């Protein structure tokens, strides 16, 4: 099955292709957006070991391929690693007429996009996401970034790929941990915009059930994101709904030294904020229990024994969404309906108490 999404608004114009075994036809798909010969592929050690030779075999007849390989994990999304990437691009003599490919999960995608947007003031790049979280969320929208000591994604840009090529077969080698990581983002989409997706997720009882519907699930999540980013490219309005659970989640990630995975941290963030917004009266009674039930259905860990509210608050205060001592929080009216609530920082405790 092949599913396509077309994103076109202002500076955004690219196609998203979702198909199993897509790696077999990569050269053909890349040729639709790139006429040159030289490609730099940025990936991490795990993906390179699993799929590096397969990617090179798929592309080598039409392109000259150079690999830039980084260590896996959020700790590679730094200025130091970005400088390493710049040095490699220079070593490989990558020019503005050449192409960069992001081949990996969300960390690789964010880092590659930022490098592509800034090296030589901008080089075209393509996203080939390999993780569930990247395929359902971070591969589109143009947000690129690295982390700073003070917080997550504090240095970045909006820079869109020329194409997004999604091969769902890459998901078959994911560990249960990385599947749960991606499920946190999928559950987010169901909560903010799609009650029917939420019901589908509640009825999934095994990994086999999940993978039987995975292409449709990926397509549903990206279709929701497409609508939001086309209406609000720079994240000043409705696109902020995609941040449900993320304000607390990013703070948890940073507080843990990125030992807690993104999807798990976001899941905890969604649950904490929904528990409080329901108590305050913004959210329909029973929503918290429904959200908890779907997280339990996928055995996603959300009980954080070492949750330090004051430390979490410190990271929230440095969040880039903190504007004039107010922060926009994403709350649920009920499952499938969400809204933006502007909250003064001095009232943030009401929403982050576990």
C-alpha atoms as a PDB file:
ATOM      1  CA  UNK A   1       0.000   0.000   0.000  1.00  0.00           C
ATOM      2  CA  UNK A   2       1.230   3.477  -0.870  1.00  0.00           C
ATOM      3  CA  UNK A   3      -0.192   6.544   0.856  1.00  0.00           C
ATOM      4  CA  UNK A   4       0.713  10.110  -0.097  1.00  0.00           C
ATOM      5  CA  UNK A   5       0.351  13.433   1.675  1.00  0.00           C
ATOM      6  CA  UNK A   6       1.032  16.744  -0.074  1.00  0.00           C
ATOM      7  CA  UNK A   7       2.084  19.698   2.055  1.00  0.00           C
ATOM      8  CA  UNK A   8       1.915  23.068   0.345  1.00  0.00           C
ATOM      9  CA  UNK A   9       1.647  26.456   2.044  1.00  0.00           C
ATOM     10  CA  UNK A  10       3.935  29.486   2.008  1.00  0.00           C
ATOM     11  CA  UNK A  11       7.506  28.114   2.228  1.00  0.00           C
ATOM     12  CA  UNK A  12       6.303  24.521   2.527  1.00  0.00           C
ATOM     13  CA  UNK A  13       5.971  22.393  -0.588  1.00  0.00           C
ATOM     14  CA  UNK A  14       6.809  18.719  -0.415  1.00  0.00           C
ATOM     15  CA  UNK A  15       5.389  15.239  -0.703  1.00  0.00           C
ATOM     16  CA  UNK A  16       5.237  12.588   2.005  1.00  0.00           C
ATOM     17  CA  UNK A  17       5.238   9.010   0.719  1.00  0.00           C
ATOM     18  CA  UNK A  18       4.282   6.169   3.083  1.00  0.00           C
ATOM     19  CA  UNK A  19       4.952   2.659   1.830  1.00  0.00           C
ATOM     20  CA  UNK A  20       6.484  -0.587   3.005  1.00  0.00           C
ATOM     21  CA  UNK A  21       9.663  -1.699   1.178  1.00  0.00           C
ATOM     22  CA  UNK A  22      10.137   1.858  -0.093  1.00  0.00           C
ATOM     23  CA  UNK A  23      13.907   1.520   0.302  1.00  0.00           C
ATOM     24  CA  UNK A  24      13.932  -0.617  -2.854  1.00  0.00           C
ATOM     25  CA  UNK A  25      12.831   2.388  -4.924  1.00  0.00           C
ATOM     26  CA  UNK A  26      14.641   5.187  -3.138  1.00  0.00           C
ATOM     27  CA  UNK A  27      16.666   6.340  -6.138  1.00  0.00           C
ATOM     28  CA  UNK A  28      13.521   6.830  -8.170  1.00  0.00           C
ATOM     29  CA  UNK A  29      11.824   8.846  -5.408  1.00  0.00           C
ATOM     30  CA  UNK A  30      14.904  10.984  -4.772  1.00  0.00           C
ATOM     31  CA  UNK A  31      15.236  11.708  -8.503  1.00  0.00           C
ATOM     32  CA  UNK A  32      11.805  13.349  -8.353  1.00  0.00           C
ATOM     33  CA  UNK A  33      13.278  16.187  -6.274  1.00  0.00           C
ATOM     34  CA  UNK A  34      17.058  16.074  -6.893  1.00  0.00           C
ATOM     35  CA  UNK A  35      18.949  16.054 -10.177  1.00  0.00           C
ATOM     36  CA  UNK A  36      22.514  16.060  -8.806  1.00  0.00           C
ATOM     37  CA  UNK A  37      24.888  13.236  -7.913  1.00  0.00           C
ATOM     38  CA  UNK A  38      26.409  13.852  -4.483  1.00  0.00           C
ATOM     39  CA  UNK A  39      24.580  12.958  -1.247  1.00  0.00           C
ATOM     40  CA  UNK A  40      25.688  13.158   2.389  1.00  0.00           C
ATOM     41  CA  UNK A  41      23.696  10.809   4.635  1.00  0.00           C
ATOM     42  CA  UNK A  42      23.535  11.650   8.327  1.00  0.00           C
ATOM     43  CA  UNK A  43      22.589   8.705  10.529  1.00  0.00           C
ATOM     44  CA  UNK A  44      23.393   7.140  13.896  1.00  0.00           C
ATOM     45  CA  UNK A  45      25.476   4.087  14.718  1.00  0.00           C
ATOM     46  CA  UNK A  46      22.482   1.776  15.273  1.00  0.00           C
ATOM     47  CA  UNK A  47      20.740   2.639  12.003  1.00  0.00           C
ATOM     48  CA  UNK A  48      24.022   2.549  10.097  1.00  0.00           C
ATOM     49  CA  UNK A  49      24.708  -0.964  11.357  1.00  0.00           C
ATOM     50  CA  UNK A  50      21.191  -2.185  10.555  1.00  0.00           C
ATOM     51  CA  UNK A  51      20.502  -0.424   7.262  1.00  0.00           C
ATOM     52  CA  UNK A  52      23.585   1.478   6.083  1.00  0.00           C
ATOM     53  CA  UNK A  53      24.662  -1.064   3.475  1.00  0.00           C
ATOM     54  CA  UNK A  54      21.088  -1.535   2.270  1.00  0.00           C
ATOM     55  CA  UNK A  55      20.677   2.217   1.775  1.00  0.00           C
ATOM     56  CA  UNK A  56      24.003   2.470  -0.045  1.00  0.00           C
ATOM     57  CA  UNK A  57      23.115  -0.480  -2.280  1.00  0.00           C
ATOM     58  CA  UNK A  58      19.826   1.189  -3.159  1.00  0.00           C
ATOM     59  CA  UNK A  59      21.480   4.479  -4.114  1.00  0.00           C
ATOM     60  CA  UNK A  60      25.030   3.821  -5.292  1.00  0.00           C
ATOM     61  CA  UNK A  61      24.224   3.285  -8.983  1.00  0.00           C
ATOM     62  CA  UNK A  62      22.902   6.838  -9.360  1.00  0.00           C
ATOM     63  CA  UNK A  63      24.589   8.780  -6.556  1.00  0.00           C
ATOM     64  CA  UNK A  64      27.898   9.276  -4.757  1.00  0.00           C
ATOM     65  CA  UNK A  65      27.165   8.547  -1.098  1.00  0.00           C
ATOM     66  CA  UNK A  66      29.084   9.708   1.994  1.00  0.00           C
ATOM     67  CA  UNK A  67      27.961   8.825   5.525  1.00  0.00           C
ATOM     68  CA  UNK A  68      28.148  10.972   8.646  1.00  0.00           C
ATOM     69  CA  UNK A  69      27.569   8.696  11.630  1.00  0.00           C
ATOM     70  CA  UNK A  70      26.805   9.953  15.140  1.00  0.00           C
ATOM     71  CA  UNK A  71      26.095   8.212  18.433  1.00  0.00           C
ATOM     72  CA  UNK A  72      22.412   7.390  18.994  1.00  0.00           C
ATOM     73  CA  UNK A  73      20.304   9.262  21.519  1.00  0.00           C
ATOM     74  CA  UNK A  74      19.282  12.728  22.609  1.00  0.00           C
ATOM     75  CA  UNK A  75      22.767  13.528  23.918  1.00  0.00           C
ATOM     76  CA  UNK A  76      23.913  13.800  20.278  1.00  0.00           C
ATOM     77  CA  UNK A  77      21.588  16.742  19.660  1.00  0.00           C
ATOM     78  CA  UNK A  78      24.176  19.301  20.755  1.00  0.00           C
ATOM     79  CA  UNK A  79      26.250  22.138  19.376  1.00  0.00           C
ATOM     80  CA  UNK A  80      29.377  19.997  19.653  1.00  0.00           C
ATOM     81  CA  UNK A  81      27.889  17.270  17.464  1.00  0.00           C
ATOM     82  CA  UNK A  82      26.520  19.913  15.086  1.00  0.00           C
ATOM     83  CA  UNK A  83      30.067  21.246  14.692  1.00  0.00           C
ATOM     84  CA  UNK A  84      31.246  17.689  13.918  1.00  0.00           C
ATOM     85  CA  UNK A  85      28.549  17.452  11.226  1.00  0.00           C
ATOM     86  CA  UNK A  86      29.645  20.780   9.699  1.00  0.00           C
ATOM     87  CA  UNK A  87      33.240  19.555   9.624  1.00  0.00           C
ATOM     88  CA  UNK A  88      32.228  16.349   7.827  1.00  0.00           C
ATOM     89  CA  UNK A  89      30.137  18.256   5.280  1.00  0.00           C
ATOM     90  CA  UNK A  90      33.159  20.430   4.598  1.00  0.00           C
ATOM     91  CA  UNK A  91      35.471  17.395   4.400  1.00  0.00           C
ATOM     92  CA  UNK A  92      33.136  15.801   1.830  1.00  0.00           C
ATOM     93  CA  UNK A  93      33.043  19.095  -0.097  1.00  0.00           C
ATOM     94  CA  UNK A  94      29.260  19.281   0.048  1.00  0.00           C
ATOM     95  CA  UNK A  95      28.051  22.242  -2.031  1.00  0.00           C
ATOM     96  CA  UNK A  96      24.750  24.106  -2.044  1.00  0.00           C
ATOM     97  CA  UNK A  97      23.747  22.161  -5.154  1.00  0.00           C
ATOM     98  CA  UNK A  98      24.170  18.825  -3.317  1.00  0.00           C
ATOM     99  CA  UNK A  99      21.752  16.938  -1.056  1.00  0.00           C
ATOM    100  CA  UNK A 100      21.704  15.829   2.573  1.00  0.00           C
ATOM    101  CA  UNK A 101      19.596  12.906   3.808  1.00  0.00           C
ATOM    102  CA  UNK A 102      18.394  12.501   7.392  1.00  0.00           C
ATOM    103  CA  UNK A 103      18.319   8.732   7.886  1.00  0.00           C
ATOM    104  CA  UNK A 104      17.167   7.869  11.379  1.00  0.00           C
ATOM    105  CA  UNK A 105      14.864   8.870  14.201  1.00  0.00           C
ATOM    106  CA  UNK A 106      13.851  12.219  15.615  1.00  0.00           C
ATOM    107  CA  UNK A 107      17.295  13.180  16.882  1.00  0.00           C
ATOM    108  CA  UNK A 108      18.886  12.557  13.477  1.00  0.00           C
ATOM    109  CA  UNK A 109      16.048  14.388  11.744  1.00  0.00           C
ATOM    110  CA  UNK A 110      16.253  17.469  13.980  1.00  0.00           C
ATOM    111  CA  UNK A 111      20.044  17.636  13.797  1.00  0.00           C
ATOM    112  CA  UNK A 112      20.188  17.074  10.031  1.00  0.00           C
ATOM    113  CA  UNK A 113      17.518  19.678   9.360  1.00  0.00           C
ATOM    114  CA  UNK A 114      19.336  22.288  11.428  1.00  0.00           C
ATOM    115  CA  UNK A 115      22.669  21.476   9.780  1.00  0.00           C
ATOM    116  CA  UNK A 116      21.065  21.649   6.332  1.00  0.00           C
ATOM    117  CA  UNK A 117      19.401  24.976   7.123  1.00  0.00           C
ATOM    118  CA  UNK A 118      22.622  26.631   8.281  1.00  0.00           C
ATOM    119  CA  UNK A 119      25.545  25.053   6.418  1.00  0.00           C
ATOM    120  CA  UNK A 120      26.414  27.310   3.467  1.00  0.00           C
ATOM    121  CA  UNK A 121      23.205  29.185   4.401  1.00  0.00           C
ATOM    122  CA  UNK A 122      21.020  26.301   3.295  1.00  0.00           C
ATOM    123  CA  UNK A 123      21.240  22.969   1.497  1.00  0.00           C
ATOM    124  CA  UNK A 124      18.314  20.824   0.355  1.00  0.00           C
ATOM    125  CA  UNK A 125      17.605  17.753   2.432  1.00  0.00           C
ATOM    126  CA  UNK A 126      15.284  14.754   2.508  1.00  0.00           C
ATOM    127  CA  UNK A 127      13.854  12.995   5.536  1.00  0.00           C
ATOM    128  CA  UNK A 128      13.936   9.177   5.635  1.00  0.00           C
ATOM    129  CA  UNK A 129      12.605   8.555   9.163  1.00  0.00           C
ATOM    130  CA  UNK A 130      13.181   5.130  10.694  1.00  0.00           C
ATOM    131  CA  UNK A 131      11.555   5.347  14.144  1.00  0.00           C
ATOM    132  CA  UNK A 132       7.860   5.362  15.004  1.00  0.00           C
ATOM    133  CA  UNK A 133       8.127   8.762  16.657  1.00  0.00           C
ATOM    134  CA  UNK A 134       9.826  10.244  13.585  1.00  0.00           C
ATOM    135  CA  UNK A 135       7.479   8.630  11.065  1.00  0.00           C
ATOM    136  CA  UNK A 136       4.314   9.767  12.863  1.00  0.00           C
ATOM    137  CA  UNK A 137       5.425  13.189  14.037  1.00  0.00           C
ATOM    138  CA  UNK A 138       8.812  14.869  13.674  1.00  0.00           C
ATOM    139  CA  UNK A 139       9.508  14.146   9.983  1.00  0.00           C
ATOM    140  CA  UNK A 140       7.206  16.941   8.792  1.00  0.00           C
ATOM    141  CA  UNK A 141       6.641  20.502   9.868  1.00  0.00           C
ATOM    142  CA  UNK A 142      10.104  21.968   9.387  1.00  0.00           C
ATOM    143  CA  UNK A 143      11.126  22.258  13.043  1.00  0.00           C
ATOM    144  CA  UNK A 144      14.867  21.678  13.356  1.00  0.00           C
ATOM    145  CA  UNK A 145      16.930  22.130  16.511  1.00  0.00           C
ATOM    146  CA  UNK A 146      19.680  21.197  18.901  1.00  0.00           C
ATOM    147  CA  UNK A 147      19.545  21.280  22.681  1.00  0.00           C
ATOM    148  CA  UNK A 148      21.389  23.704  24.918  1.00  0.00           C
ATOM    149  CA  UNK A 149      22.496  23.181  28.505  1.00  0.00           C
ATOM    150  CA  UNK A 150      19.529  25.305  29.568  1.00  0.00           C
ATOM    151  CA  UNK A 151      16.872  23.239  27.813  1.00  0.00           C
ATOM    152  CA  UNK A 152      15.638  21.213  24.865  1.00  0.00           C
ATOM    153  CA  UNK A 153      15.419  22.560  21.299  1.00  0.00           C
ATOM    154  CA  UNK A 154      16.486  26.083  22.278  1.00  0.00           C
ATOM    155  CA  UNK A 155      18.619  26.613  19.146  1.00  0.00           C
ATOM    156  CA  UNK A 156      16.886  25.845  15.876  1.00  0.00           C
ATOM    157  CA  UNK A 157      15.115  26.989  12.739  1.00  0.00           C
ATOM    158  CA  UNK A 158      12.113  26.305  10.549  1.00  0.00           C
ATOM    159  CA  UNK A 159      13.448  24.542   7.458  1.00  0.00           C
ATOM    160  CA  UNK A 160      11.429  22.131   5.368  1.00  0.00           C
ATOM    161  CA  UNK A 161      12.649  19.001   3.562  1.00  0.00           C
ATOM    162  CA  UNK A 162      12.298  18.524  -0.172  1.00  0.00           C
ATOM    163  CA  UNK A 163      10.541  15.204   0.450  1.00  0.00           C
ATOM    164  CA  UNK A 164       9.734  12.748   3.222  1.00  0.00           C
ATOM    165  CA  UNK A 165      10.104   9.062   2.343  1.00  0.00           C
ATOM    166  CA  UNK A 166       8.616   6.698   4.920  1.00  0.00           C
ATOM    167  CA  UNK A 167       9.287   2.963   4.735  1.00  0.00           C
ATOM    168  CA  UNK A 168       7.227   1.332   7.489  1.00  0.00           C
ATOM    169  CA  UNK A 169       9.360  -1.822   7.259  1.00  0.00           C
ATOM    170  CA  UNK A 170      11.994   0.024   9.284  1.00  0.00           C
ATOM    171  CA  UNK A 171       9.640  -0.208  12.253  1.00  0.00           C
ATOM    172  CA  UNK A 172       9.856  -4.004  12.303  1.00  0.00           C
ATOM    173  CA  UNK A 173      13.286  -3.932  13.955  1.00  0.00           C
ATOM    174  CA  UNK A 174      12.278  -1.473  16.703  1.00  0.00           C
ATOM    175  CA  UNK A 175      12.495  -2.618  20.308  1.00  0.00           C
ATOM    176  CA  UNK A 176       9.401  -2.525  22.500  1.00  0.00           C
ATOM    177  CA  UNK A 177      10.931   0.497  24.243  1.00  0.00           C
ATOM    178  CA  UNK A 178      11.132   2.467  20.991  1.00  0.00           C
ATOM    179  CA  UNK A 179       7.626   1.409  19.959  1.00  0.00           C
ATOM    180  CA  UNK A 180       6.298   2.741  23.277  1.00  0.00           C
ATOM    181  CA  UNK A 181       8.271   5.921  22.663  1.00  0.00           C
ATOM    182  CA  UNK A 182       6.414   6.451  19.389  1.00  0.00           C
ATOM    183  CA  UNK A 183       3.061   5.461  20.843  1.00  0.00           C
ATOM    184  CA  UNK A 184       3.252   8.440  23.197  1.00  0.00           C
ATOM    185  CA  UNK A 185       3.104  10.782  20.192  1.00  0.00           C
ATOM    186  CA  UNK A 186       0.397   8.746  18.457  1.00  0.00           C
ATOM    187  CA  UNK A 187      -1.758   8.904  21.590  1.00  0.00           C
ATOM    188  CA  UNK A 188      -1.170  12.663  21.642  1.00  0.00           C
ATOM    189  CA  UNK A 189      -2.697  12.976  18.157  1.00  0.00           C
ATOM    190  CA  UNK A 190      -5.732  10.959  19.177  1.00  0.00           C
ATOM    191  CA  UNK A 191      -6.215  13.100  22.280  1.00  0.00           C
ATOM    192  CA  UNK A 192      -5.996  16.476  20.578  1.00  0.00           C
ATOM    193  CA  UNK A 193      -7.872  15.806  17.351  1.00  0.00           C
ATOM    194  CA  UNK A 194      -9.197  12.299  16.657  1.00  0.00           C
ATOM    195  CA  UNK A 195     -11.568  10.343  18.889  1.00  0.00           C
ATOM    196  CA  UNK A 196     -11.828   7.543  16.310  1.00  0.00           C
ATOM    197  CA  UNK A 197      -8.040   7.079  16.392  1.00  0.00           C
ATOM    198  CA  UNK A 198      -8.236   6.919  20.187  1.00  0.00           C
ATOM    199  CA  UNK A 199     -10.832   4.129  19.934  1.00  0.00           C
ATOM    200  CA  UNK A 200      -8.658   2.241  17.441  1.00  0.00           C
ATOM    201  CA  UNK A 201      -5.729   2.468  19.853  1.00  0.00           C
ATOM    202  CA  UNK A 202      -7.820   1.153  22.718  1.00  0.00           C
ATOM    203  CA  UNK A 203      -8.695  -1.911  20.619  1.00  0.00           C
ATOM    204  CA  UNK A 204      -5.074  -2.791  19.773  1.00  0.00           C
ATOM    205  CA  UNK A 205      -4.064  -5.729  21.945  1.00  0.00           C
ATOM    206  CA  UNK A 206      -0.771  -6.880  20.431  1.00  0.00           C
ATOM    207  CA  UNK A 207       2.176  -5.767  18.343  1.00  0.00           C
ATOM    208  CA  UNK A 208       0.646  -7.717  15.450  1.00  0.00           C
ATOM    209  CA  UNK A 209      -2.559  -5.671  15.749  1.00  0.00           C
ATOM    210  CA  UNK A 210      -0.512  -2.468  15.705  1.00  0.00           C
ATOM    211  CA  UNK A 211       1.513  -3.385  12.630  1.00  0.00           C
ATOM    212  CA  UNK A 212      -1.538  -4.543  10.687  1.00  0.00           C
ATOM    213  CA  UNK A 213      -2.764  -0.931  10.769  1.00  0.00           C
ATOM    214  CA  UNK A 214       0.545   0.900  10.996  1.00  0.00           C
ATOM    215  CA  UNK A 215       0.499   2.597   7.582  1.00  0.00           C
ATOM    216  CA  UNK A 216      -2.991   3.971   8.211  1.00  0.00           C
ATOM    217  CA  UNK A 217      -1.981   5.111  11.711  1.00  0.00           C
ATOM    218  CA  UNK A 218       1.101   6.902  10.358  1.00  0.00           C
ATOM    219  CA  UNK A 219      -1.033   8.494   7.648  1.00  0.00           C
ATOM    220  CA  UNK A 220      -3.685   9.619  10.164  1.00  0.00           C
ATOM    221  CA  UNK A 221      -1.134  11.257  12.478  1.00  0.00           C
ATOM    222  CA  UNK A 222       0.661  13.069   9.669  1.00  0.00           C
ATOM    223  CA  UNK A 223      -2.654  14.175   8.128  1.00  0.00           C
ATOM    224  CA  UNK A 224      -3.589  15.822  11.421  1.00  0.00           C
ATOM    225  CA  UNK A 225      -0.196  17.503  11.614  1.00  0.00           C
ATOM    226  CA  UNK A 226      -0.459  18.613   7.966  1.00  0.00           C
ATOM    227  CA  UNK A 227      -3.693  20.469   8.739  1.00  0.00           C
ATOM    228  CA  UNK A 228      -2.177  22.215  11.737  1.00  0.00           C
ATOM    229  CA  UNK A 229       1.128  23.222  10.143  1.00  0.00           C
ATOM    230  CA  UNK A 230      -0.528  24.477   6.962  1.00  0.00           C
ATOM    231  CA  UNK A 231      -2.763  26.724   9.060  1.00  0.00           C
ATOM    232  CA  UNK A 232       0.080  27.865  11.325  1.00  0.00           C
ATOM    233  CA  UNK A 233       3.563  27.301   9.934  1.00  0.00           C
ATOM    234  CA  UNK A 234       5.540  29.162  12.623  1.00  0.00           C
ATOM    235  CA  UNK A 235       3.773  27.743  15.700  1.00  0.00           C
ATOM    236  CA  UNK A 236       1.943  30.881  16.801  1.00  0.00           C
ATOM    237  CA  UNK A 237      -1.616  29.540  16.862  1.00  0.00           C
ATOM    238  CA  UNK A 238      -3.344  26.208  16.267  1.00  0.00           C
ATOM    239  CA  UNK A 239      -0.093  24.365  15.619  1.00  0.00           C
ATOM    240  CA  UNK A 240       0.585  24.738  19.337  1.00  0.00           C
ATOM    241  CA  UNK A 241      -1.936  21.927  19.914  1.00  0.00           C
ATOM    242  CA  UNK A 242       0.862  19.563  18.874  1.00  0.00           C
ATOM    243  CA  UNK A 243       2.626  20.525  22.110  1.00  0.00           C
ATOM    244  CA  UNK A 244       0.106  18.677  24.300  1.00  0.00           C
ATOM    245  CA  UNK A 245       2.129  17.089  27.104  1.00  0.00           C
ATOM    246  CA  UNK A 246       5.376  18.556  25.772  1.00  0.00           C
ATOM    247  CA  UNK A 247       5.925  21.499  28.104  1.00  0.00           C
ATOM    248  CA  UNK A 248       6.107  19.183  31.102  1.00  0.00           C
ATOM    249  CA  UNK A 249       7.524  16.343  28.988  1.00  0.00           C
ATOM    250  CA  UNK A 250      10.524  18.321  27.736  1.00  0.00           C
ATOM    251  CA  UNK A 251      11.247  19.464  31.290  1.00  0.00           C
ATOM    252  CA  UNK A 252      11.133  15.840  32.497  1.00  0.00           C
ATOM    253  CA  UNK A 253      13.515  14.781  29.730  1.00  0.00           C
ATOM    254  CA  UNK A 254      15.974  17.533  30.605  1.00  0.00           C
ATOM    255  CA  UNK A 255      15.683  16.876  34.358  1.00  0.00           C
ATOM    256  CA  UNK A 256      16.431  13.180  33.797  1.00  0.00           C
ATOM    257  CA  UNK A 257      19.485  13.936  31.663  1.00  0.00           C
ATOM    258  CA  UNK A 258      17.521  12.441  28.762  1.00  0.00           C
ATOM    259  CA  UNK A 259      17.459   9.046  30.469  1.00  0.00           C
ATOM    260  CA  UNK A 260      13.658   9.119  30.197  1.00  0.00           C
ATOM    261  CA  UNK A 261      12.588   8.673  26.569  1.00  0.00           C
ATOM    262  CA  UNK A 262      10.680  11.435  24.796  1.00  0.00           C
ATOM    263  CA  UNK A 263       7.446   9.474  24.358  1.00  0.00           C
ATOM    264  CA  UNK A 264       7.451   8.338  27.978  1.00  0.00           C
ATOM    265  CA  UNK A 265       8.112  11.891  29.208  1.00  0.00           C
ATOM    266  CA  UNK A 266       5.366  13.305  26.978  1.00  0.00           C
ATOM    267  CA  UNK A 267       2.981  10.599  28.191  1.00  0.00           C
ATOM    268  CA  UNK A 268       3.667  11.598  31.785  1.00  0.00           C
ATOM    269  CA  UNK A 269       3.248  15.253  30.804  1.00  0.00           C
ATOM    270  CA  UNK A 270      -0.111  14.587  29.137  1.00  0.00           C
ATOM    271  CA  UNK A 271      -1.360  12.703  32.175  1.00  0.00           C
ATOM    272  CA  UNK A 272      -0.167  15.244  34.755  1.00  0.00           C
ATOM    273  CA  UNK A 273      -1.643  18.231  32.942  1.00  0.00           C
ATOM    274  CA  UNK A 274      -4.934  16.435  32.218  1.00  0.00           C
ATOM    275  CA  UNK A 275      -5.313  15.363  35.850  1.00  0.00           C
ATOM    276  CA  UNK A 276      -4.922  18.984  36.920  1.00  0.00           C
ATOM    277  CA  UNK A 277      -7.015  20.577  34.169  1.00  0.00           C
ATOM    278  CA  UNK A 278      -9.827  18.145  34.981  1.00  0.00           C
ATOM    279  CA  UNK A 279      -9.569  19.032  38.678  1.00  0.00           C
ATOM    280  CA  UNK A 280      -9.620  22.773  37.883  1.00  0.00           C
ATOM    281  CA  UNK A 281     -12.627  22.344  35.590  1.00  0.00           C
ATOM    282  CA  UNK A 282     -11.259  22.866  32.089  1.00  0.00           C
ATOM    283  CA  UNK A 283     -11.549  19.204  31.089  1.00  0.00           C
ATOM    284  CA  UNK A 284     -14.510  16.820  30.999  1.00  0.00           C
ATOM    285  CA  UNK A 285     -14.614  14.525  34.034  1.00  0.00           C
ATOM    286  CA  UNK A 286     -13.351  11.045  33.146  1.00  0.00           C
ATOM    287  CA  UNK A 287     -10.853  12.218  30.510  1.00  0.00           C
ATOM    288  CA  UNK A 288      -7.900  11.533  32.810  1.00  0.00           C
ATOM    289  CA  UNK A 289      -9.014   7.928  33.348  1.00  0.00           C
ATOM    290  CA  UNK A 290      -9.480   7.388  29.604  1.00  0.00           C
ATOM    291  CA  UNK A 291      -5.998   8.729  28.898  1.00  0.00           C
ATOM    292  CA  UNK A 292      -4.550   6.586  31.655  1.00  0.00           C
ATOM    293  CA  UNK A 293      -6.321   3.539  30.195  1.00  0.00           C
ATOM    294  CA  UNK A 294      -4.841   3.969  26.712  1.00  0.00           C
ATOM    295  CA  UNK A 295      -1.347   4.445  28.163  1.00  0.00           C
ATOM    296  CA  UNK A 296      -1.861   1.278  30.198  1.00  0.00           C
ATOM    297  CA  UNK A 297      -3.014  -0.521  27.052  1.00  0.00           C
ATOM    298  CA  UNK A 298       0.481  -0.042  25.615  1.00  0.00           C
ATOM    299  CA  UNK A 299       2.288  -0.523  28.947  1.00  0.00           C
ATOM    300  CA  UNK A 300       3.711   2.991  28.765  1.00  0.00           C
ATOM    301  CA  UNK A 301       5.406   4.030  31.996  1.00  0.00           C
ATOM    302  CA  UNK A 302       4.093   7.303  33.401  1.00  0.00           C
ATOM    303  CA  UNK A 303       4.679   7.012  37.157  1.00  0.00           C
ATOM    304  CA  UNK A 304       7.791   9.046  37.867  1.00  0.00           C
ATOM    305  CA  UNK A 305       9.128   8.305  41.353  1.00  0.00           C
ATOM    306  CA  UNK A 306      11.749  11.045  41.166  1.00  0.00           C
ATOM    307  CA  UNK A 307       9.454  13.852  39.984  1.00  0.00           C
ATOM    308  CA  UNK A 308      10.751  17.100  41.492  1.00  0.00           C
ATOM    309  CA  UNK A 309       8.192  19.821  40.855  1.00  0.00           C
ATOM    310  CA  UNK A 310      10.581  22.695  41.571  1.00  0.00           C
ATOM    311  CA  UNK A 311      13.226  21.337  39.192  1.00  0.00           C
ATOM    312  CA  UNK A 312      10.591  20.692  36.509  1.00  0.00           C
ATOM    313  CA  UNK A 313       9.301  24.226  36.997  1.00  0.00           C
ATOM    314  CA  UNK A 314      12.828  25.620  36.545  1.00  0.00           C
ATOM    315  CA  UNK A 315      13.097  23.989  33.118  1.00  0.00           C
ATOM    316  CA  UNK A 316       9.592  25.133  32.171  1.00  0.00           C
ATOM    317  CA  UNK A 317      10.592  28.719  32.967  1.00  0.00           C
ATOM    318  CA  UNK A 318      13.400  28.441  30.396  1.00  0.00           C
ATOM    319  CA  UNK A 319      11.066  26.947  27.775  1.00  0.00           C
ATOM    320  CA  UNK A 320      10.989  28.872  24.484  1.00  0.00           C
ATOM    321  CA  UNK A 321       7.174  29.006  24.818  1.00  0.00           C
ATOM    322  CA  UNK A 322       7.548  31.216  27.908  1.00  0.00           C
ATOM    323  CA  UNK A 323       6.632  34.699  26.640  1.00  0.00           C
ATOM    324  CA  UNK A 324       6.288  37.759  28.868  1.00  0.00           C
ATOM    325  CA  UNK A 325       5.921  35.570  31.951  1.00  0.00           C
ATOM    326  CA  UNK A 326       3.038  33.675  30.382  1.00  0.00           C
ATOM    327  CA  UNK A 327       3.094  30.235  28.854  1.00  0.00           C
ATOM    328  CA  UNK A 328       0.683  28.589  26.444  1.00  0.00           C
ATOM    329  CA  UNK A 329      -0.460  25.228  27.771  1.00  0.00           C
ATOM    330  CA  UNK A 330      -2.404  22.711  25.709  1.00  0.00           C
ATOM    331  CA  UNK A 331      -5.419  21.307  27.521  1.00  0.00           C
ATOM    332  CA  UNK A 332      -8.132  18.840  26.554  1.00  0.00           C
ATOM    333  CA  UNK A 333     -11.824  19.669  26.567  1.00  0.00           C
ATOM    334  CA  UNK A 334     -12.306  15.943  26.176  1.00  0.00           C
ATOM    335  CA  UNK A 335     -10.693  13.154  24.166  1.00  0.00           C
ATOM    336  CA  UNK A 336     -10.431  14.385  20.574  1.00  0.00           C
ATOM    337  CA  UNK A 337     -10.840  18.085  21.411  1.00  0.00           C
ATOM    338  CA  UNK A 338      -8.102  20.398  22.653  1.00  0.00           C
ATOM    339  CA  UNK A 339      -7.419  24.095  23.121  1.00  0.00           C
ATOM    340  CA  UNK A 340      -4.659  26.559  23.992  1.00  0.00           C
ATOM    341  CA  UNK A 341      -4.747  28.174  27.434  1.00  0.00           C
ATOM    342  CA  UNK A 342      -2.466  31.103  28.192  1.00  0.00           C
ATOM    343  CA  UNK A 343      -1.367  30.760  31.814  1.00  0.00           C
ATOM    344  CA  UNK A 344       0.669  33.237  33.909  1.00  0.00           C
ATOM    345  CA  UNK A 345       3.888  31.651  35.108  1.00  0.00           C
ATOM    346  CA  UNK A 346       2.949  32.334  38.737  1.00  0.00           C
ATOM    347  CA  UNK A 347       0.004  29.949  38.305  1.00  0.00           C
ATOM    348  CA  UNK A 348       1.955  27.150  36.610  1.00  0.00           C
ATOM    349  CA  UNK A 349       2.085  25.108  39.852  1.00  0.00           C
ATOM    350  CA  UNK A 350      -1.630  24.374  39.463  1.00  0.00           C
ATOM    351  CA  UNK A 351      -0.905  22.443  36.266  1.00  0.00           C
ATOM    352  CA  UNK A 352       2.344  20.604  37.024  1.00  0.00           C
ATOM    353  CA  UNK A 353       1.600  19.047  40.410  1.00  0.00           C
ATOM    354  CA  UNK A 354       1.825  15.266  39.949  1.00  0.00           C
END
